[in-house]
Amino acid sequence: MKTMIRFFVVVLLILGMNSLVFALEPIAPMIKVSDKPSGIFEELTQEQWNQLLETMLAEERIPSKEEVGVPAPPESYYMGVGSIQDMDYVNLVSMESPEKIMSFYMDMLGEMPEWQWSEEFNIFYKADGEMNIERLMSFSIPVIEVKEVSDDDPFAELMFAHVDAEVRAGLKTLVQITYSSR
């Protein structure tokens, strides 16, 4: 009898944990993507395009605010995720100005003493001590970088090739949040 009760308790705990994980909201809604390949991807067939989008933007890959450790700015959209060494990152975009997004993070992170601002590198970071280039390039601490979306950026065509053209025209800010989810 005790074994059966323990079994049911374990099952209930597992089910409870799974429902908690599934209840976590994504950090931001998915950006609207283009129906057809364009830009550097215009040589792809529709099937290849759909497969690429499915791989790049799989909804189960969108981290939650809890995983990332900080919220996304209001009115921002999920663009993609990746990993660098032992850190993960999420790319978000917004139609708000970089100044407005910076203000959002200044206000929010100002109440979190573990986060600091580096004037030299124009980033927020979560660590004790001063930021230096070695530390920044070690990809070992959480960082928030806010920058203006620019067509002059050599990576812009690659980064935004999957975004719906009308949405792309209104994007003003890119936010990259590097965090540890491991």
N, C-alpha and C. Protein backbone atom coordinates (compact mmCIF):
# COMPACT_ATOMS: atom_id res chain seq x y z
N MET A 1 0.82 -1.20 0.00
CA MET A 1 0.00 0.00 0.00
C MET A 1 0.87 1.27 0.00
N LYS A 2 1.91 1.27 0.87
CA LYS A 2 2.80 2.43 0.93
C LYS A 2 3.50 2.65 -0.41
N THR A 3 3.89 1.56 -1.07
CA THR A 3 4.55 1.65 -2.36
C THR A 3 3.63 2.28 -3.38
N MET A 4 2.37 1.89 -3.35
CA MET A 4 1.39 2.45 -4.29
C MET A 4 1.18 3.94 -4.04
N ILE A 5 1.11 4.33 -2.79
CA ILE A 5 0.93 5.75 -2.45
C ILE A 5 2.15 6.55 -2.91
N ARG A 6 3.35 6.01 -2.67
CA ARG A 6 4.57 6.70 -3.13
C ARG A 6 4.56 6.85 -4.65
N PHE A 7 4.14 5.80 -5.34
CA PHE A 7 4.08 5.83 -6.79
C PHE A 7 3.16 6.95 -7.25
N PHE A 8 1.97 7.05 -6.66
CA PHE A 8 1.02 8.10 -7.05
C PHE A 8 1.54 9.49 -6.71
N VAL A 9 2.23 9.63 -5.60
CA VAL A 9 2.81 10.92 -5.23
C VAL A 9 3.87 11.33 -6.26
N VAL A 10 4.73 10.38 -6.65
CA VAL A 10 5.75 10.66 -7.65
C VAL A 10 5.11 11.04 -8.98
N VAL A 11 4.08 10.30 -9.40
CA VAL A 11 3.38 10.61 -10.65
C VAL A 11 2.77 12.00 -10.59
N LEU A 12 2.13 12.33 -9.49
CA LEU A 12 1.53 13.67 -9.35
C LEU A 12 2.59 14.77 -9.38
N LEU A 13 3.72 14.52 -8.74
CA LEU A 13 4.80 15.51 -8.78
C LEU A 13 5.31 15.71 -10.20
N ILE A 14 5.52 14.61 -10.91
CA ILE A 14 6.00 14.72 -12.29
C ILE A 14 4.99 15.44 -13.16
N LEU A 15 3.73 15.09 -13.04
CA LEU A 15 2.69 15.77 -13.82
C LEU A 15 2.61 17.24 -13.46
N GLY A 16 2.75 17.55 -12.20
CA GLY A 16 2.73 18.94 -11.75
C GLY A 16 3.88 19.73 -12.32
N MET A 17 5.09 19.13 -12.33
CA MET A 17 6.25 19.81 -12.89
C MET A 17 6.10 20.01 -14.39
N ASN A 18 5.60 19.01 -15.08
CA ASN A 18 5.40 19.14 -16.53
C ASN A 18 4.38 20.22 -16.84
N SER A 19 3.31 20.29 -16.09
CA SER A 19 2.31 21.31 -16.37
C SER A 19 2.87 22.69 -16.06
N LEU A 20 3.77 22.79 -15.07
CA LEU A 20 4.41 24.07 -14.78
C LEU A 20 5.29 24.49 -15.95
N VAL A 21 6.06 23.56 -16.49
CA VAL A 21 6.93 23.88 -17.63
C VAL A 21 6.10 24.32 -18.82
N PHE A 22 5.01 23.60 -19.10
CA PHE A 22 4.20 23.96 -20.25
C PHE A 22 3.43 25.25 -20.03
N ALA A 23 3.27 25.67 -18.77
CA ALA A 23 2.53 26.89 -18.48
C ALA A 23 3.37 28.14 -18.67
N LEU A 24 4.69 27.99 -18.79
CA LEU A 24 5.55 29.14 -18.96
C LEU A 24 5.29 29.80 -20.31
N GLU A 25 5.12 31.08 -20.27
CA GLU A 25 4.87 31.84 -21.50
C GLU A 25 6.18 32.11 -22.22
N PRO A 26 6.17 32.12 -23.55
CA PRO A 26 7.39 32.49 -24.27
C PRO A 26 7.78 33.92 -23.96
N ILE A 27 9.07 34.22 -24.05
CA ILE A 27 9.56 35.56 -23.72
C ILE A 27 8.89 36.64 -24.57
N ALA A 28 8.56 36.31 -25.80
CA ALA A 28 7.92 37.27 -26.70
C ALA A 28 7.20 36.50 -27.80
N PRO A 29 6.20 37.11 -28.41
CA PRO A 29 5.53 36.42 -29.52
C PRO A 29 6.44 36.32 -30.74
N MET A 30 6.18 35.33 -31.55
CA MET A 30 6.94 35.09 -32.78
C MET A 30 6.73 36.24 -33.76
N ILE A 31 7.78 36.67 -34.42
CA ILE A 31 7.67 37.70 -35.44
C ILE A 31 6.96 37.12 -36.66
N LYS A 32 6.28 37.97 -37.41
CA LYS A 32 5.61 37.51 -38.62
C LYS A 32 6.67 37.25 -39.69
N VAL A 33 6.61 36.04 -40.25
CA VAL A 33 7.61 35.67 -41.26
C VAL A 33 7.05 35.78 -42.66
N SER A 34 7.95 35.87 -43.61
CA SER A 34 7.58 35.95 -45.02
C SER A 34 7.05 34.61 -45.50
N ASP A 35 6.02 34.66 -46.35
CA ASP A 35 5.45 33.44 -46.91
C ASP A 35 6.36 32.80 -47.94
N LYS A 36 7.18 33.62 -48.58
CA LYS A 36 8.02 33.13 -49.68
C LYS A 36 9.48 33.50 -49.42
N PRO A 37 10.40 32.69 -49.93
CA PRO A 37 11.81 33.02 -49.77
C PRO A 37 12.15 34.33 -50.47
N SER A 38 13.01 35.11 -49.83
CA SER A 38 13.41 36.38 -50.42
C SER A 38 14.86 36.67 -50.07
N GLY A 39 15.39 37.73 -50.65
CA GLY A 39 16.77 38.15 -50.36
C GLY A 39 17.74 37.03 -50.67
N ILE A 40 18.61 36.76 -49.72
CA ILE A 40 19.62 35.73 -49.93
C ILE A 40 19.03 34.33 -50.03
N PHE A 41 17.77 34.19 -49.66
CA PHE A 41 17.11 32.88 -49.71
C PHE A 41 16.21 32.69 -50.92
N GLU A 42 16.17 33.63 -51.85
CA GLU A 42 15.21 33.54 -52.94
C GLU A 42 15.46 32.37 -53.89
N GLU A 43 16.63 31.75 -53.82
CA GLU A 43 16.92 30.58 -54.65
C GLU A 43 16.27 29.30 -54.09
N LEU A 44 15.80 29.35 -52.86
CA LEU A 44 15.21 28.16 -52.24
C LEU A 44 13.84 27.86 -52.83
N THR A 45 13.50 26.58 -52.86
CA THR A 45 12.14 26.19 -53.24
C THR A 45 11.22 26.50 -52.06
N GLN A 46 9.93 26.49 -52.30
CA GLN A 46 8.99 26.75 -51.22
C GLN A 46 9.13 25.70 -50.11
N GLU A 47 9.35 24.46 -50.50
CA GLU A 47 9.52 23.38 -49.52
C GLU A 47 10.78 23.61 -48.68
N GLN A 48 11.86 23.98 -49.32
CA GLN A 48 13.10 24.27 -48.59
C GLN A 48 12.91 25.46 -47.65
N TRP A 49 12.20 26.48 -48.13
CA TRP A 49 11.91 27.66 -47.32
C TRP A 49 11.12 27.28 -46.07
N ASN A 50 10.08 26.48 -46.26
CA ASN A 50 9.25 26.05 -45.13
C ASN A 50 10.07 25.24 -44.12
N GLN A 51 10.95 24.38 -44.61
CA GLN A 51 11.80 23.59 -43.72
C GLN A 51 12.77 24.49 -42.96
N LEU A 52 13.33 25.47 -43.64
CA LEU A 52 14.25 26.40 -42.98
C LEU A 52 13.53 27.16 -41.86
N LEU A 53 12.35 27.68 -42.17
CA LEU A 53 11.58 28.41 -41.15
C LEU A 53 11.23 27.51 -39.98
N GLU A 54 10.84 26.29 -40.27
CA GLU A 54 10.48 25.35 -39.21
C GLU A 54 11.67 25.09 -38.29
N THR A 55 12.85 24.97 -38.87
CA THR A 55 14.05 24.75 -38.08
C THR A 55 14.45 26.00 -37.30
N MET A 56 14.43 27.15 -37.95
CA MET A 56 14.86 28.40 -37.31
C MET A 56 13.91 28.86 -36.23
N LEU A 57 12.63 28.70 -36.48
CA LEU A 57 11.64 29.35 -35.62
C LEU A 57 10.71 28.38 -34.91
N ALA A 58 11.18 27.19 -34.63
CA ALA A 58 10.36 26.22 -33.93
C ALA A 58 9.88 26.81 -32.61
N GLU A 59 8.58 26.83 -32.40
CA GLU A 59 8.02 27.48 -31.22
C GLU A 59 8.53 26.87 -29.92
N GLU A 60 8.85 25.57 -29.93
CA GLU A 60 9.34 24.97 -28.70
C GLU A 60 10.73 25.49 -28.33
N ARG A 61 11.39 26.18 -29.24
CA ARG A 61 12.71 26.75 -28.97
C ARG A 61 12.62 28.13 -28.32
N ILE A 62 11.45 28.74 -28.31
CA ILE A 62 11.33 30.09 -27.74
C ILE A 62 11.46 29.98 -26.21
N PRO A 63 12.49 30.59 -25.64
CA PRO A 63 12.64 30.50 -24.18
C PRO A 63 11.60 31.36 -23.47
N SER A 64 11.38 31.05 -22.21
CA SER A 64 10.46 31.84 -21.39
C SER A 64 11.25 32.95 -20.69
N LYS A 65 10.51 33.91 -20.16
CA LYS A 65 11.13 35.00 -19.38
C LYS A 65 11.88 34.39 -18.19
N GLU A 66 11.32 33.34 -17.63
CA GLU A 66 11.95 32.69 -16.47
C GLU A 66 13.29 32.07 -16.86
N GLU A 67 13.37 31.48 -18.04
CA GLU A 67 14.64 30.89 -18.50
C GLU A 67 15.68 31.98 -18.75
N VAL A 68 15.25 33.04 -19.39
CA VAL A 68 16.17 34.11 -19.78
C VAL A 68 16.58 34.95 -18.57
N GLY A 69 15.69 35.12 -17.62
CA GLY A 69 16.02 35.85 -16.39
C GLY A 69 15.63 37.31 -16.41
N VAL A 70 15.27 37.84 -17.55
CA VAL A 70 14.79 39.22 -17.67
C VAL A 70 13.66 39.22 -18.70
N PRO A 71 12.75 40.17 -18.59
CA PRO A 71 11.66 40.21 -19.57
C PRO A 71 12.08 40.85 -20.89
N ALA A 72 11.30 40.56 -21.90
CA ALA A 72 11.47 41.25 -23.18
C ALA A 72 10.84 42.63 -23.06
N PRO A 73 11.33 43.58 -23.82
CA PRO A 73 10.69 44.90 -23.80
C PRO A 73 9.26 44.79 -24.33
N PRO A 74 8.37 45.69 -23.91
CA PRO A 74 7.02 45.69 -24.46
C PRO A 74 7.07 45.83 -25.98
N GLU A 75 6.12 45.22 -26.65
CA GLU A 75 6.00 45.32 -28.11
C GLU A 75 7.22 44.77 -28.84
N SER A 76 7.84 43.73 -28.28
CA SER A 76 8.97 43.11 -28.98
C SER A 76 8.55 41.74 -29.49
N TYR A 77 9.34 41.22 -30.43
CA TYR A 77 9.04 39.95 -31.09
C TYR A 77 10.25 39.05 -31.10
N TYR A 78 10.00 37.77 -30.99
CA TYR A 78 11.04 36.75 -31.04
C TYR A 78 11.55 36.59 -32.46
N MET A 79 12.88 36.56 -32.62
CA MET A 79 13.51 36.38 -33.94
C MET A 79 14.30 35.09 -34.04
N GLY A 80 14.81 34.58 -32.94
CA GLY A 80 15.61 33.37 -33.00
C GLY A 80 16.46 33.19 -31.76
N VAL A 81 17.06 32.01 -31.65
CA VAL A 81 17.92 31.68 -30.52
C VAL A 81 19.21 31.06 -31.03
N GLY A 82 20.17 30.96 -30.15
CA GLY A 82 21.43 30.31 -30.47
C GLY A 82 22.22 30.06 -29.21
N SER A 83 23.42 29.55 -29.38
CA SER A 83 24.32 29.28 -28.25
C SER A 83 25.73 29.72 -28.61
N ILE A 84 26.43 30.21 -27.61
CA ILE A 84 27.84 30.55 -27.72
C ILE A 84 28.51 29.96 -26.49
N GLN A 85 29.38 29.02 -26.69
CA GLN A 85 30.06 28.32 -25.61
C GLN A 85 29.03 27.79 -24.61
N ASP A 86 29.08 28.22 -23.34
CA ASP A 86 28.14 27.71 -22.34
C ASP A 86 26.93 28.61 -22.14
N MET A 87 26.76 29.58 -23.01
CA MET A 87 25.66 30.53 -22.87
C MET A 87 24.69 30.39 -24.04
N ASP A 88 23.43 30.68 -23.77
CA ASP A 88 22.41 30.73 -24.81
C ASP A 88 22.09 32.20 -25.07
N TYR A 89 21.50 32.48 -26.22
CA TYR A 89 21.05 33.85 -26.47
C TYR A 89 19.73 33.81 -27.22
N VAL A 90 18.98 34.89 -27.04
CA VAL A 90 17.73 35.07 -27.77
C VAL A 90 17.78 36.44 -28.44
N ASN A 91 17.35 36.48 -29.69
CA ASN A 91 17.26 37.75 -30.43
C ASN A 91 15.81 38.19 -30.48
N LEU A 92 15.60 39.43 -30.09
CA LEU A 92 14.28 40.05 -30.12
C LEU A 92 14.37 41.31 -30.96
N VAL A 93 13.26 41.71 -31.54
CA VAL A 93 13.21 42.97 -32.29
C VAL A 93 12.00 43.76 -31.84
N SER A 94 12.08 45.07 -32.06
CA SER A 94 10.98 45.94 -31.66
C SER A 94 10.82 47.08 -32.66
N MET A 95 9.61 47.59 -32.72
CA MET A 95 9.33 48.77 -33.55
C MET A 95 9.53 50.04 -32.74
N GLU A 96 9.87 49.88 -31.46
CA GLU A 96 10.18 51.02 -30.61
C GLU A 96 11.63 51.46 -30.85
N SER A 97 11.94 52.68 -30.52
CA SER A 97 13.29 53.21 -30.72
C SER A 97 14.27 52.56 -29.74
N PRO A 98 15.55 52.51 -30.11
CA PRO A 98 16.55 51.99 -29.18
C PRO A 98 16.56 52.76 -27.85
N GLU A 99 16.31 54.07 -27.92
CA GLU A 99 16.29 54.88 -26.70
C GLU A 99 15.17 54.43 -25.75
N LYS A 100 14.03 54.12 -26.32
CA LYS A 100 12.90 53.67 -25.49
C LYS A 100 13.20 52.30 -24.87
N ILE A 101 13.82 51.42 -25.65
CA ILE A 101 14.17 50.10 -25.13
C ILE A 101 15.25 50.22 -24.05
N MET A 102 16.24 51.07 -24.29
CA MET A 102 17.29 51.30 -23.28
C MET A 102 16.67 51.84 -21.99
N SER A 103 15.74 52.75 -22.12
CA SER A 103 15.06 53.31 -20.95
C SER A 103 14.32 52.22 -20.18
N PHE A 104 13.66 51.32 -20.91
CA PHE A 104 12.95 50.20 -20.28
C PHE A 104 13.93 49.38 -19.44
N TYR A 105 15.07 49.02 -20.02
CA TYR A 105 16.04 48.19 -19.28
C TYR A 105 16.73 48.98 -18.17
N MET A 106 17.01 50.26 -18.38
CA MET A 106 17.60 51.08 -17.32
C MET A 106 16.68 51.10 -16.10
N ASP A 107 15.39 51.32 -16.34
CA ASP A 107 14.42 51.37 -15.24
C ASP A 107 14.31 50.01 -14.55
N MET A 108 14.15 48.95 -15.34
CA MET A 108 13.94 47.63 -14.77
C MET A 108 15.19 47.11 -14.07
N LEU A 109 16.33 47.22 -14.73
CA LEU A 109 17.56 46.66 -14.16
C LEU A 109 18.13 47.53 -13.05
N GLY A 110 17.69 48.78 -12.99
CA GLY A 110 18.11 49.65 -11.90
C GLY A 110 17.66 49.13 -10.55
N GLU A 111 16.61 48.32 -10.54
CA GLU A 111 16.10 47.72 -9.32
C GLU A 111 16.73 46.35 -9.04
N MET A 112 17.64 45.92 -9.90
CA MET A 112 18.30 44.62 -9.76
C MET A 112 19.80 44.87 -9.62
N PRO A 113 20.31 44.95 -8.40
CA PRO A 113 21.72 45.35 -8.20
C PRO A 113 22.75 44.43 -8.84
N GLU A 114 22.37 43.20 -9.17
CA GLU A 114 23.34 42.30 -9.80
C GLU A 114 23.63 42.67 -11.25
N TRP A 115 22.77 43.52 -11.85
CA TRP A 115 22.98 43.98 -13.23
C TRP A 115 23.69 45.32 -13.22
N GLN A 116 24.63 45.48 -14.13
CA GLN A 116 25.40 46.73 -14.23
C GLN A 116 25.38 47.22 -15.67
N TRP A 117 25.70 48.48 -15.83
CA TRP A 117 25.76 49.10 -17.15
C TRP A 117 27.22 49.38 -17.49
N SER A 118 27.64 49.03 -18.69
CA SER A 118 28.99 49.36 -19.17
C SER A 118 28.87 50.43 -20.23
N GLU A 119 29.30 51.62 -19.89
CA GLU A 119 29.30 52.73 -20.84
C GLU A 119 30.25 52.44 -22.00
N GLU A 120 31.39 51.84 -21.67
CA GLU A 120 32.41 51.55 -22.68
C GLU A 120 31.90 50.61 -23.77
N PHE A 121 31.16 49.56 -23.37
CA PHE A 121 30.70 48.56 -24.33
C PHE A 121 29.23 48.72 -24.70
N ASN A 122 28.56 49.68 -24.04
CA ASN A 122 27.16 49.96 -24.34
C ASN A 122 26.27 48.72 -24.15
N ILE A 123 26.49 48.03 -23.03
CA ILE A 123 25.72 46.82 -22.70
C ILE A 123 25.37 46.81 -21.22
N PHE A 124 24.36 46.02 -20.89
CA PHE A 124 24.07 45.65 -19.51
C PHE A 124 24.71 44.29 -19.29
N TYR A 125 25.25 44.07 -18.10
CA TYR A 125 25.82 42.76 -17.81
C TYR A 125 25.55 42.38 -16.36
N LYS A 126 25.53 41.08 -16.11
CA LYS A 126 25.21 40.57 -14.78
C LYS A 126 26.46 39.90 -14.22
N ALA A 127 27.22 40.66 -13.45
CA ALA A 127 28.44 40.15 -12.84
C ALA A 127 29.01 41.20 -11.91
N ASP A 128 29.86 40.76 -11.00
CA ASP A 128 30.56 41.70 -10.13
C ASP A 128 31.76 42.27 -10.88
N GLY A 129 32.14 43.47 -10.53
CA GLY A 129 33.35 44.06 -11.09
C GLY A 129 33.13 44.76 -12.41
N GLU A 130 34.23 45.26 -12.92
CA GLU A 130 34.21 46.01 -14.18
C GLU A 130 34.17 45.08 -15.39
N MET A 131 33.62 45.61 -16.46
CA MET A 131 33.60 44.86 -17.73
C MET A 131 34.88 45.20 -18.48
N ASN A 132 35.47 44.18 -19.10
CA ASN A 132 36.61 44.40 -19.99
C ASN A 132 36.43 43.50 -21.20
N ILE A 133 37.27 43.69 -22.20
CA ILE A 133 37.10 42.97 -23.46
C ILE A 133 37.27 41.46 -23.27
N GLU A 134 38.18 41.04 -22.41
CA GLU A 134 38.37 39.60 -22.18
C GLU A 134 37.12 38.98 -21.59
N ARG A 135 36.56 39.67 -20.64
CA ARG A 135 35.33 39.19 -19.99
C ARG A 135 34.18 39.14 -20.98
N LEU A 136 34.05 40.18 -21.77
CA LEU A 136 32.98 40.25 -22.75
C LEU A 136 33.12 39.12 -23.77
N MET A 137 34.33 38.88 -24.25
CA MET A 137 34.57 37.86 -25.27
C MET A 137 34.58 36.44 -24.72
N SER A 138 34.54 36.30 -23.39
CA SER A 138 34.53 34.96 -22.80
C SER A 138 33.15 34.31 -22.90
N PHE A 139 32.13 35.10 -23.19
CA PHE A 139 30.76 34.61 -23.29
C PHE A 139 30.39 33.77 -22.08
N SER A 140 30.72 34.27 -20.90
CA SER A 140 30.47 33.51 -19.69
C SER A 140 29.55 34.23 -18.71
N ILE A 141 29.07 35.41 -19.07
CA ILE A 141 28.18 36.15 -18.18
C ILE A 141 26.96 36.65 -18.97
N PRO A 142 25.82 36.77 -18.30
CA PRO A 142 24.63 37.30 -18.98
C PRO A 142 24.83 38.75 -19.43
N VAL A 143 24.37 39.02 -20.64
CA VAL A 143 24.54 40.35 -21.25
C VAL A 143 23.26 40.72 -21.99
N ILE A 144 22.92 42.00 -21.96
CA ILE A 144 21.82 42.53 -22.77
C ILE A 144 22.41 43.62 -23.65
N GLU A 145 22.26 43.44 -24.95
CA GLU A 145 22.75 44.42 -25.91
C GLU A 145 21.56 44.96 -26.69
N VAL A 146 21.46 46.27 -26.77
CA VAL A 146 20.37 46.94 -27.49
C VAL A 146 21.01 47.77 -28.60
N LYS A 147 20.60 47.52 -29.84
CA LYS A 147 21.17 48.33 -30.92
C LYS A 147 20.13 48.62 -31.99
N GLU A 148 20.41 49.68 -32.71
CA GLU A 148 19.51 50.13 -33.77
C GLU A 148 19.56 49.17 -34.95
N VAL A 149 18.40 48.88 -35.51
CA VAL A 149 18.32 48.09 -36.74
C VAL A 149 18.71 49.00 -37.87
N SER A 150 19.68 48.56 -38.67
CA SER A 150 20.18 49.39 -39.76
C SER A 150 20.37 48.57 -41.01
N ASP A 151 19.95 49.11 -42.13
CA ASP A 151 20.18 48.43 -43.41
C ASP A 151 21.66 48.47 -43.78
N ASP A 152 22.44 49.32 -43.13
CA ASP A 152 23.87 49.40 -43.38
C ASP A 152 24.63 48.25 -42.70
N ASP A 153 23.98 47.58 -41.77
CA ASP A 153 24.60 46.46 -41.07
C ASP A 153 24.79 45.31 -42.06
N PRO A 154 26.02 44.81 -42.22
CA PRO A 154 26.25 43.74 -43.19
C PRO A 154 25.49 42.45 -42.89
N PHE A 155 25.07 42.27 -41.65
CA PHE A 155 24.33 41.06 -41.27
C PHE A 155 22.82 41.24 -41.38
N ALA A 156 22.36 42.46 -41.67
CA ALA A 156 20.92 42.73 -41.69
C ALA A 156 20.19 41.87 -42.71
N GLU A 157 20.74 41.72 -43.89
CA GLU A 157 20.06 40.92 -44.91
C GLU A 157 19.90 39.48 -44.45
N LEU A 158 20.93 38.93 -43.86
CA LEU A 158 20.86 37.57 -43.35
C LEU A 158 19.91 37.47 -42.16
N MET A 159 20.02 38.41 -41.24
CA MET A 159 19.24 38.36 -40.02
C MET A 159 17.74 38.54 -40.26
N PHE A 160 17.38 39.37 -41.22
CA PHE A 160 15.97 39.69 -41.43
C PHE A 160 15.37 39.09 -42.69
N ALA A 161 16.09 38.20 -43.36
CA ALA A 161 15.61 37.63 -44.63
C ALA A 161 14.30 36.86 -44.48
N HIS A 162 14.04 36.34 -43.30
CA HIS A 162 12.82 35.55 -43.09
C HIS A 162 11.63 36.38 -42.60
N VAL A 163 11.87 37.65 -42.32
CA VAL A 163 10.82 38.51 -41.75
C VAL A 163 9.93 39.08 -42.85
N ASP A 164 8.64 39.13 -42.59
CA ASP A 164 7.67 39.73 -43.51
C ASP A 164 8.14 41.16 -43.86
N ALA A 165 8.09 41.51 -45.14
CA ALA A 165 8.63 42.80 -45.62
C ALA A 165 7.98 44.00 -44.94
N GLU A 166 6.66 43.97 -44.73
CA GLU A 166 5.99 45.11 -44.07
C GLU A 166 6.44 45.25 -42.63
N VAL A 167 6.58 44.13 -41.94
CA VAL A 167 7.05 44.16 -40.56
C VAL A 167 8.50 44.65 -40.53
N ARG A 168 9.32 44.13 -41.42
CA ARG A 168 10.73 44.50 -41.48
C ARG A 168 10.90 46.01 -41.64
N ALA A 169 10.05 46.63 -42.44
CA ALA A 169 10.15 48.07 -42.69
C ALA A 169 9.97 48.89 -41.41
N GLY A 170 9.24 48.36 -40.44
CA GLY A 170 8.99 49.11 -39.20
C GLY A 170 9.93 48.79 -38.05
N LEU A 171 10.82 47.83 -38.22
CA LEU A 171 11.71 47.45 -37.12
C LEU A 171 12.75 48.53 -36.86
N LYS A 172 12.94 48.85 -35.57
CA LYS A 172 13.90 49.89 -35.21
C LYS A 172 15.00 49.38 -34.29
N THR A 173 14.72 48.32 -33.53
CA THR A 173 15.66 47.92 -32.49
C THR A 173 15.85 46.40 -32.44
N LEU A 174 17.10 46.00 -32.28
CA LEU A 174 17.45 44.60 -32.06
C LEU A 174 17.94 44.47 -30.62
N VAL A 175 17.44 43.47 -29.91
CA VAL A 175 17.87 43.19 -28.54
C VAL A 175 18.40 41.77 -28.51
N GLN A 176 19.65 41.63 -28.07
CA GLN A 176 20.19 40.29 -27.90
C GLN A 176 20.46 40.09 -26.41
N ILE A 177 19.84 39.04 -25.87
CA ILE A 177 20.01 38.72 -24.45
C ILE A 177 20.77 37.40 -24.38
N THR A 178 21.95 37.45 -23.78
CA THR A 178 22.76 36.25 -23.56
C THR A 178 22.52 35.81 -22.12
N TYR A 179 22.23 34.54 -21.93
CA TYR A 179 21.86 34.03 -20.60
C TYR A 179 22.33 32.58 -20.45
N SER A 180 22.34 32.12 -19.22
CA SER A 180 22.72 30.73 -18.97
C SER A 180 21.48 29.96 -18.57
N SER A 181 21.12 28.96 -19.35
CA SER A 181 19.96 28.15 -19.01
C SER A 181 20.38 26.76 -18.55
N ARG A 182 21.66 26.58 -18.38
CA ARG A 182 22.18 25.25 -18.03
C ARG A 182 22.52 25.14 -16.58
